[in-house]
PDB file of N, CA and C in Angstrom:
ATOM      1  N   MET A   1      47.369  45.304 -24.106  1.00  0.00           N
ATOM      2  CA  MET A   1      48.565  45.770 -24.521  1.00  0.00           C
ATOM      3  C   MET A   1      49.591  44.709 -24.122  1.00  0.00           C
ATOM      4  N   ALA A   2      50.671  44.502 -24.919  1.00  0.00           N
ATOM      5  CA  ALA A   2      51.729  43.535 -24.623  1.00  0.00           C
ATOM      6  C   ALA A   2      52.530  44.012 -23.456  1.00  0.00           C
ATOM      7  N   THR A   3      53.283  43.087 -22.837  1.00  0.00           N
ATOM      8  CA  THR A   3      54.177  43.455 -21.729  1.00  0.00           C
ATOM      9  C   THR A   3      55.270  44.419 -22.335  1.00  0.00           C
ATOM     10  N   PRO A   4      55.796  45.308 -21.521  1.00  0.00           N
ATOM     11  CA  PRO A   4      56.810  46.249 -21.980  1.00  0.00           C
ATOM     12  C   PRO A   4      58.019  45.605 -22.630  1.00  0.00           C
ATOM     13  N   ALA A   5      58.473  44.278 -22.146  1.00  0.00           N
ATOM     14  CA  ALA A   5      59.528  43.650 -22.756  1.00  0.00           C
ATOM     15  C   ALA A   5      59.376  43.202 -24.187  1.00  0.00           C
ATOM     16  N   ARG A   6      58.079  43.053 -24.559  1.00  0.00           N
ATOM     17  CA  ARG A   6      57.764  42.660 -25.921  1.00  0.00           C
ATOM     18  C   ARG A   6      57.574  43.888 -26.875  1.00  0.00           C
ATOM     19  N   LEU A   7      57.523  45.110 -26.301  1.00  0.00           N
ATOM     20  CA  LEU A   7      57.267  46.272 -27.148  1.00  0.00           C
ATOM     21  C   LEU A   7      58.563  46.879 -27.727  1.00  0.00           C
ATOM     22  N   THR A   8      58.436  47.357 -28.850  1.00  0.00           N
ATOM     23  CA  THR A   8      59.610  48.002 -29.544  1.00  0.00           C
ATOM     24  C   THR A   8      59.080  49.264 -30.290  1.00  0.00           C
ATOM     25  N   VAL A   9      60.052  50.143 -30.668  1.00  0.00           N
ATOM     26  CA  VAL A   9      59.645  51.347 -31.375  1.00  0.00           C
ATOM     27  C   VAL A   9      60.213  51.230 -32.748  1.00  0.00           C
ATOM     28  N   ARG A  10      59.374  51.542 -33.695  1.00  0.00           N
ATOM     29  CA  ARG A  10      59.833  51.669 -35.065  1.00  0.00           C
ATOM     30  C   ARG A  10      59.292  53.043 -35.701  1.00  0.00           C
ATOM     31  N   THR A  11      60.052  53.438 -36.629  1.00  0.00           N
ATOM     32  CA  THR A  11      59.637  54.672 -37.402  1.00  0.00           C
ATOM     33  C   THR A  11      59.084  54.355 -38.723  1.00  0.00           C
ATOM     34  N   ARG A  12      58.165  55.320 -39.175  1.00  0.00           N
ATOM     35  CA  ARG A  12      57.560  55.005 -40.433  1.00  0.00           C
ATOM     36  C   ARG A  12      57.504  56.369 -41.160  1.00  0.00           C
ATOM     37  N   LEU A  13      57.728  56.322 -42.388  1.00  0.00           N
ATOM     38  CA  LEU A  13      57.741  57.475 -43.307  1.00  0.00           C
ATOM     39  C   LEU A  13      56.300  57.756 -43.719  1.00  0.00           C
ATOM     40  N   LEU A  14      55.751  58.859 -43.483  1.00  0.00           N
ATOM     41  CA  LEU A  14      54.338  59.283 -43.914  1.00  0.00           C
ATOM     42  C   LEU A  14      54.462  59.749 -45.367  1.00  0.00           C
ATOM     43  N   PRO A  15      53.554  59.399 -46.233  1.00  0.00           N
ATOM     44  CA  PRO A  15      53.612  59.769 -47.653  1.00  0.00           C
ATOM     45  C   PRO A  15      53.411  61.183 -47.950  1.00  0.00           C
ATOM     46  N   ASP A  16      52.461  61.929 -47.275  1.00  0.00           N
ATOM     47  CA  ASP A  16      52.168  63.223 -47.674  1.00  0.00           C
ATOM     48  C   ASP A  16      51.638  64.039 -46.472  1.00  0.00           C
ATOM     49  N   PRO A  17      52.323  64.872 -45.883  1.00  0.00           N
ATOM     50  CA  PRO A  17      53.769  65.301 -46.289  1.00  0.00           C
ATOM     51  C   PRO A  17      54.797  64.242 -45.896  1.00  0.00           C
ATOM     52  N   PRO A  18      55.898  64.296 -46.550  1.00  0.00           N
ATOM     53  CA  PRO A  18      56.968  63.255 -46.195  1.00  0.00           C
ATOM     54  C   PRO A  18      57.612  63.587 -44.833  1.00  0.00           C
ATOM     55  N   LEU A  19      56.894  63.126 -43.777  1.00  0.00           N
ATOM     56  CA  LEU A  19      57.404  63.278 -42.444  1.00  0.00           C
ATOM     57  C   LEU A  19      57.394  61.902 -41.803  1.00  0.00           C
ATOM     58  N   TRP A  20      58.071  61.824 -40.590  1.00  0.00           N
ATOM     59  CA  TRP A  20      58.226  60.602 -39.886  1.00  0.00           C
ATOM     60  C   TRP A  20      57.396  60.517 -38.639  1.00  0.00           C
ATOM     61  N   CYS A  21      56.916  59.350 -38.330  1.00  0.00           N
ATOM     62  CA  CYS A  21      56.190  59.145 -36.999  1.00  0.00           C
ATOM     63  C   CYS A  21      56.725  57.935 -36.472  1.00  0.00           C
ATOM     64  N   TRP A  22      56.413  57.797 -35.117  1.00  0.00           N
ATOM     65  CA  TRP A  22      56.829  56.470 -34.390  1.00  0.00           C
ATOM     66  C   TRP A  22      55.668  55.664 -34.167  1.00  0.00           C
ATOM     67  N   GLU A  23      55.891  54.339 -33.977  1.00  0.00           N
ATOM     68  CA  GLU A  23      54.851  53.400 -33.562  1.00  0.00           C
ATOM     69  C   GLU A  23      55.505  52.510 -32.589  1.00  0.00           C
ATOM     70  N   ILE A  24      54.727  52.185 -31.582  1.00  0.00           N
ATOM     71  CA  ILE A  24      55.076  51.169 -30.590  1.00  0.00           C
ATOM     72  C   ILE A  24      54.408  49.920 -30.984  1.00  0.00           C
ATOM     73  N   VAL A  25      55.255  48.821 -31.124  1.00  0.00           N
ATOM     74  CA  VAL A  25      54.766  47.570 -31.742  1.00  0.00           C
ATOM     75  C   VAL A  25      55.057  46.428 -30.920  1.00  0.00           C
ATOM     76  N   ASP A  26      54.180  45.430 -30.805  1.00  0.00           N
ATOM     77  CA  ASP A  26      54.444  44.179 -30.137  1.00  0.00           C
ATOM     78  C   ASP A  26      55.405  43.442 -31.060  1.00  0.00           C
ATOM     79  N   SER A  27      56.615  43.121 -30.626  1.00  0.00           N
ATOM     80  CA  SER A  27      57.671  42.549 -31.371  1.00  0.00           C
ATOM     81  C   SER A  27      57.328  41.114 -31.710  1.00  0.00           C
ATOM     82  N   VAL A  28      56.372  40.442 -31.082  1.00  0.00           N
ATOM     83  CA  VAL A  28      56.051  39.091 -31.322  1.00  0.00           C
ATOM     84  C   VAL A  28      54.893  39.028 -32.441  1.00  0.00           C
ATOM     85  N   THR A  29      53.750  39.859 -32.187  1.00  0.00           N
ATOM     86  CA  THR A  29      52.721  39.816 -33.162  1.00  0.00           C
ATOM     87  C   THR A  29      52.694  40.819 -34.322  1.00  0.00           C
ATOM     88  N   GLY A  30      53.591  41.892 -34.114  1.00  0.00           N
ATOM     89  CA  GLY A  30      53.606  42.976 -35.100  1.00  0.00           C
ATOM     90  C   GLY A  30      52.491  43.887 -34.973  1.00  0.00           C
ATOM     91  N   GLU A  31      51.539  43.838 -33.913  1.00  0.00           N
ATOM     92  CA  GLU A  31      50.515  44.683 -33.786  1.00  0.00           C
ATOM     93  C   GLU A  31      50.960  45.984 -33.246  1.00  0.00           C
ATOM     94  N   VAL A  32      50.430  47.102 -33.888  1.00  0.00           N
ATOM     95  CA  VAL A  32      50.760  48.440 -33.360  1.00  0.00           C
ATOM     96  C   VAL A  32      49.851  48.812 -32.186  1.00  0.00           C
ATOM     97  N   SER A  33      50.486  49.155 -31.061  1.00  0.00           N
ATOM     98  CA  SER A  33      49.761  49.492 -29.852  1.00  0.00           C
ATOM     99  C   SER A  33      49.661  50.916 -29.746  1.00  0.00           C
ATOM    100  N   GLU A  34      50.636  51.778 -30.121  1.00  0.00           N
ATOM    101  CA  GLU A  34      50.576  53.214 -30.042  1.00  0.00           C
ATOM    102  C   GLU A  34      51.244  53.765 -31.316  1.00  0.00           C
ATOM    103  N   SER A  35      50.695  54.946 -31.746  1.00  0.00           N
ATOM    104  CA  SER A  35      51.292  55.629 -32.834  1.00  0.00           C
ATOM    105  C   SER A  35      51.094  57.126 -32.647  1.00  0.00           C
ATOM    106  N   CYS A  36      52.175  57.967 -32.736  1.00  0.00           N
ATOM    107  CA  CYS A  36      52.090  59.384 -32.517  1.00  0.00           C
ATOM    108  C   CYS A  36      51.175  60.048 -33.570  1.00  0.00           C
ATOM    109  N   TRP A  37      51.183  59.462 -34.843  1.00  0.00           N
ATOM    110  CA  TRP A  37      50.395  60.084 -35.874  1.00  0.00           C
ATOM    111  C   TRP A  37      48.915  59.705 -35.664  1.00  0.00           C
ATOM    112  N   GLU A  38      48.601  58.505 -35.328  1.00  0.00           N
ATOM    113  CA  GLU A  38      47.156  58.146 -35.070  1.00  0.00           C
ATOM    114  C   GLU A  38      46.551  58.760 -33.889  1.00  0.00           C
ATOM    115  N   ARG A  39      47.425  58.944 -32.800  1.00  0.00           N
ATOM    116  CA  ARG A  39      46.869  59.409 -31.524  1.00  0.00           C
ATOM    117  C   ARG A  39      46.761  60.901 -31.561  1.00  0.00           C
ATOM    118  N   GLU A  40      47.732  61.691 -32.085  1.00  0.00           N
ATOM    119  CA  GLU A  40      47.758  63.063 -31.926  1.00  0.00           C
ATOM    120  C   GLU A  40      48.151  63.849 -33.250  1.00  0.00           C
ATOM    121  N   SER A  41      48.387  63.110 -34.338  1.00  0.00           N
ATOM    122  CA  SER A  41      48.782  63.713 -35.661  1.00  0.00           C
ATOM    123  C   SER A  41      50.149  64.444 -35.499  1.00  0.00           C
ATOM    124  N   ILE A  42      50.989  63.821 -34.719  1.00  0.00           N
ATOM    125  CA  ILE A  42      52.378  64.368 -34.503  1.00  0.00           C
ATOM    126  C   ILE A  42      53.236  63.779 -35.419  1.00  0.00           C
ATOM    127  N   ALA A  43      54.107  64.488 -36.069  1.00  0.00           N
ATOM    128  CA  ALA A  43      55.176  63.875 -37.107  1.00  0.00           C
ATOM    129  C   ALA A  43      56.432  64.630 -36.908  1.00  0.00           C
ATOM    130  N   PHE A  44      57.522  64.087 -37.502  1.00  0.00           N
ATOM    131  CA  PHE A  44      58.887  64.685 -37.249  1.00  0.00           C
ATOM    132  C   PHE A  44      59.545  64.756 -38.568  1.00  0.00           C
ATOM    133  N   ARG A  45      60.590  65.615 -38.627  1.00  0.00           N
ATOM    134  CA  ARG A  45      61.312  65.883 -39.862  1.00  0.00           C
ATOM    135  C   ARG A  45      62.370  64.769 -40.146  1.00  0.00           C
ATOM    136  N   SER A  46      62.839  64.030 -39.069  1.00  0.00           N
ATOM    137  CA  SER A  46      63.684  62.981 -39.329  1.00  0.00           C
ATOM    138  C   SER A  46      63.402  61.693 -38.657  1.00  0.00           C
ATOM    139  N   PRO A  47      63.858  60.555 -39.092  1.00  0.00           N
ATOM    140  CA  PRO A  47      63.619  59.353 -38.393  1.00  0.00           C
ATOM    141  C   PRO A  47      64.267  59.327 -37.039  1.00  0.00           C
ATOM    142  N   GLU A  48      65.401  60.005 -36.848  1.00  0.00           N
ATOM    143  CA  GLU A  48      66.023  60.016 -35.517  1.00  0.00           C
ATOM    144  C   GLU A  48      65.219  60.782 -34.493  1.00  0.00           C
ATOM    145  N   ASP A  49      64.543  61.919 -34.924  1.00  0.00           N
ATOM    146  CA  ASP A  49      63.703  62.629 -34.010  1.00  0.00           C
ATOM    147  C   ASP A  49      62.486  61.824 -33.594  1.00  0.00           C
ATOM    148  N   ALA A  50      61.899  61.156 -34.589  1.00  0.00           N
ATOM    149  CA  ALA A  50      60.782  60.329 -34.316  1.00  0.00           C
ATOM    150  C   ALA A  50      61.164  59.112 -33.386  1.00  0.00           C
ATOM    151  N   LEU A  51      62.296  58.537 -33.609  1.00  0.00           N
ATOM    152  CA  LEU A  51      62.720  57.455 -32.785  1.00  0.00           C
ATOM    153  C   LEU A  51      62.959  57.894 -31.304  1.00  0.00           C
ATOM    154  N   ARG A  52      63.636  59.020 -31.182  1.00  0.00           N
ATOM    155  CA  ARG A  52      63.861  59.623 -29.909  1.00  0.00           C
ATOM    156  C   ARG A  52      62.619  59.756 -29.108  1.00  0.00           C
ATOM    157  N   SER A  53      61.623  60.377 -29.737  1.00  0.00           N
ATOM    158  CA  SER A  53      60.320  60.625 -29.137  1.00  0.00           C
ATOM    159  C   SER A  53      59.590  59.312 -28.687  1.00  0.00           C
ATOM    160  N   GLY A  54      59.661  58.395 -29.646  1.00  0.00           N
ATOM    161  CA  GLY A  54      59.022  56.971 -29.484  1.00  0.00           C
ATOM    162  C   GLY A  54      59.661  56.261 -28.297  1.00  0.00           C
ATOM    163  N   ARG A  55      60.998  56.338 -28.192  1.00  0.00           N
ATOM    164  CA  ARG A  55      61.622  55.710 -27.064  1.00  0.00           C
ATOM    165  C   ARG A  55      61.208  56.325 -25.713  1.00  0.00           C
ATOM    166  N   LEU A  56      61.062  57.561 -25.712  1.00  0.00           N
ATOM    167  CA  LEU A  56      60.546  58.359 -24.429  1.00  0.00           C
ATOM    168  C   LEU A  56      59.207  57.831 -24.183  1.00  0.00           C
ATOM    169  N   GLU A  57      58.328  57.650 -25.111  1.00  0.00           N
ATOM    170  CA  GLU A  57      56.998  57.185 -24.892  1.00  0.00           C
ATOM    171  C   GLU A  57      56.979  55.750 -24.370  1.00  0.00           C
ATOM    172  N   LEU A  58      57.893  54.927 -24.913  1.00  0.00           N
ATOM    173  CA  LEU A  58      58.006  53.471 -24.467  1.00  0.00           C
ATOM    174  C   LEU A  58      58.529  53.455 -23.016  1.00  0.00           C
ATOM    175  N   ILE A  59      59.349  54.347 -22.711  1.00  0.00           N
ATOM    176  CA  ILE A  59      59.936  54.453 -21.229  1.00  0.00           C
ATOM    177  C   ILE A  59      58.675  54.817 -20.326  1.00  0.00           C
ATOM    178  N   ARG A  60      57.891  55.797 -20.825  1.00  0.00           N
ATOM    179  CA  ARG A  60      56.700  56.177 -20.083  1.00  0.00           C
ATOM    180  C   ARG A  60      55.725  55.015 -19.793  1.00  0.00           C
ATOM    181  N   ILE A  61      55.520  54.313 -20.851  1.00  0.00           N
ATOM    182  CA  ILE A  61      54.593  53.087 -20.772  1.00  0.00           C
ATOM    183  C   ILE A  61      55.124  52.133 -19.705  1.00  0.00           C
ATOM    184  N   ALA A  62      56.422  51.782 -19.848  1.00  0.00           N
ATOM    185  CA  ALA A  62      57.121  50.884 -18.880  1.00  0.00           C
ATOM    186  C   ALA A  62      57.102  51.273 -17.501  1.00  0.00           C
ATOM    187  N   ALA A  63      57.333  52.560 -17.313  1.00  0.00           N
ATOM    188  CA  ALA A  63      57.377  53.191 -15.924  1.00  0.00           C
ATOM    189  C   ALA A  63      56.000  53.145 -15.201  1.00  0.00           C
ATOM    190  N   ALA A  64      54.903  53.128 -16.062  1.00  0.00           N
ATOM    191  CA  ALA A  64      53.549  53.065 -15.506  1.00  0.00           C
ATOM    192  C   ALA A  64      53.129  51.667 -15.046  1.00  0.00           C
ATOM    193  N   ARG A  65      53.953  50.625 -15.344  1.00  0.00           N
ATOM    194  CA  ARG A  65      53.710  49.326 -14.929  1.00  0.00           C
ATOM    195  C   ARG A  65      54.729  48.814 -13.881  1.00  0.00           C
ATOM    196  N   PRO A  66      54.222  48.641 -12.628  1.00  0.00           N
ATOM    197  CA  PRO A  66      55.105  48.148 -11.619  1.00  0.00           C
ATOM    198  C   PRO A  66      55.797  46.869 -11.937  1.00  0.00           C
ATOM    199  N   GLY A  67      57.089  46.819 -11.720  1.00  0.00           N
ATOM    200  CA  GLY A  67      57.833  45.681 -12.014  1.00  0.00           C
ATOM    201  C   GLY A  67      58.286  45.449 -13.471  1.00  0.00           C
ATOM    202  N   ALA A  68      57.922  46.315 -14.278  1.00  0.00           N
ATOM    203  CA  ALA A  68      58.290  46.284 -15.652  1.00  0.00           C
ATOM    204  C   ALA A  68      59.760  46.651 -15.847  1.00  0.00           C
ATOM    205  N   ARG A  69      60.334  46.058 -16.882  1.00  0.00           N
ATOM    206  CA  ARG A  69      61.741  46.350 -17.242  1.00  0.00           C
ATOM    207  C   ARG A  69      61.837  46.373 -18.731  1.00  0.00           C
ATOM    208  N   LEU A  70      62.668  47.163 -19.254  1.00  0.00           N
ATOM    209  CA  LEU A  70      62.888  47.386 -20.684  1.00  0.00           C
ATOM    210  C   LEU A  70      64.065  46.483 -21.050  1.00  0.00           C
ATOM    211  N   VAL A  71      64.012  45.731 -22.153  1.00  0.00           N
ATOM    212  CA  VAL A  71      65.070  44.970 -22.712  1.00  0.00           C
ATOM    213  C   VAL A  71      65.488  45.564 -24.068  1.00  0.00           C
ATOM    214  N   SER A  72      66.747  45.849 -24.223  1.00  0.00           N
ATOM    215  CA  SER A  72      67.184  46.462 -25.433  1.00  0.00           C
ATOM    216  C   SER A  72      67.479  45.360 -26.444  1.00  0.00           C
ATOM    217  N   ARG A  73      66.946  45.519 -27.654  1.00  0.00           N
ATOM    218  CA  ARG A  73      67.167  44.569 -28.787  1.00  0.00           C
ATOM    219  C   ARG A  73      67.002  45.191 -30.106  1.00  0.00           C
ATOM    220  N   ARG A  74      67.586  44.766 -31.070  1.00  0.00           N
ATOM    221  CA  ARG A  74      67.314  45.274 -32.467  1.00  0.00           C
ATOM    222  C   ARG A  74      66.442  44.279 -33.285  1.00  0.00           C
ATOM    223  N   LEU A  75      65.428  44.818 -34.011  1.00  0.00           N
ATOM    224  CA  LEU A  75      64.702  43.977 -34.875  1.00  0.00           C
ATOM    225  C   LEU A  75      65.046  44.288 -36.260  1.00  0.00           C
ATOM    226  N   PRO A  76      64.910  43.390 -37.165  1.00  0.00           N
ATOM    227  CA  PRO A  76      65.097  43.824 -38.592  1.00  0.00           C
ATOM    228  C   PRO A  76      64.124  44.722 -39.053  1.00  0.00           C
ATOM    229  N   PRO A  77      64.521  45.738 -39.887  1.00  0.00           N
ATOM    230  CA  PRO A  77      63.558  46.718 -40.401  1.00  0.00           C
ATOM    231  C   PRO A  77      62.385  46.093 -41.139  1.00  0.00           C
ATOM    232  N   GLU A  78      61.200  46.676 -40.993  1.00  0.00           N
ATOM    233  CA  GLU A  78      60.023  46.156 -41.651  1.00  0.00           C
ATOM    234  C   GLU A  78      60.049  46.809 -42.967  1.00  0.00           C
ATOM    235  N   THR A  79      59.505  46.105 -43.972  1.00  0.00           N
ATOM    236  CA  THR A  79      59.358  46.698 -45.384  1.00  0.00           C
ATOM    237  C   THR A  79      58.629  48.021 -45.275  1.00  0.00           C
ATOM    238  N   GLY A  80      59.286  49.105 -45.814  1.00  0.00           N
ATOM    239  CA  GLY A  80      58.743  50.415 -45.784  1.00  0.00           C
ATOM    240  C   GLY A  80      59.066  51.190 -44.520  1.00  0.00           C
ATOM    241  N   SER A  81      59.744  50.560 -43.668  1.00  0.00           N
ATOM    242  CA  SER A  81      60.170  51.237 -42.424  1.00  0.00           C
ATOM    243  C   SER A  81      61.672  51.213 -42.245  1.00  0.00           C
ATOM    244  N   PRO A  82      62.352  52.234 -42.780  1.00  0.00           N
ATOM    245  CA  PRO A  82      63.877  52.176 -42.811  1.00  0.00           C
ATOM    246  C   PRO A  82      64.485  52.146 -41.389  1.00  0.00           C
ATOM    247  N   SER A  83      63.799  52.564 -40.352  1.00  0.00           N
ATOM    248  CA  SER A  83      64.419  52.601 -39.077  1.00  0.00           C
ATOM    249  C   SER A  83      63.477  51.818 -38.060  1.00  0.00           C
ATOM    250  N   SER A  84      64.088  50.767 -37.473  1.00  0.00           N
ATOM    251  CA  SER A  84      63.253  50.040 -36.527  1.00  0.00           C
ATOM    252  C   SER A  84      64.150  49.617 -35.371  1.00  0.00           C
ATOM    253  N   ARG A  85      63.898  50.141 -34.243  1.00  0.00           N
ATOM    254  CA  ARG A  85      64.780  49.738 -33.082  1.00  0.00           C
ATOM    255  C   ARG A  85      63.916  49.737 -31.860  1.00  0.00           C
ATOM    256  N   SER A  86      64.380  48.991 -30.855  1.00  0.00           N
ATOM    257  CA  SER A  86      63.704  48.970 -29.578  1.00  0.00           C
ATOM    258  C   SER A  86      64.408  49.914 -28.609  1.00  0.00           C
ATOM    259  N   ALA A  87      63.764  50.242 -27.562  1.00  0.00           N
ATOM    260  CA  ALA A  87      64.261  51.147 -26.596  1.00  0.00           C
ATOM    261  C   ALA A  87      65.210  50.344 -25.581  1.00  0.00           C
TER     262      ALA A  87
END
């Protein structure tokens, strides 16, 4: 898994049912390292709710690594992903 400073949270609209999930992504490679939908089939009614939950997961990941720190930054939205932000 990438270092926490390289990880960001993005939201993705699921096709059926039309709900939102979060993904934690390596901002350099674009590789998805965690997904609430793939891991536990959890989805949200809004991208804001998904983003909030994903940020909490990113904080949990960073807290589990001694010396880790989170860097806040915005990434351009990925095609098909209307909301993409880091924690």
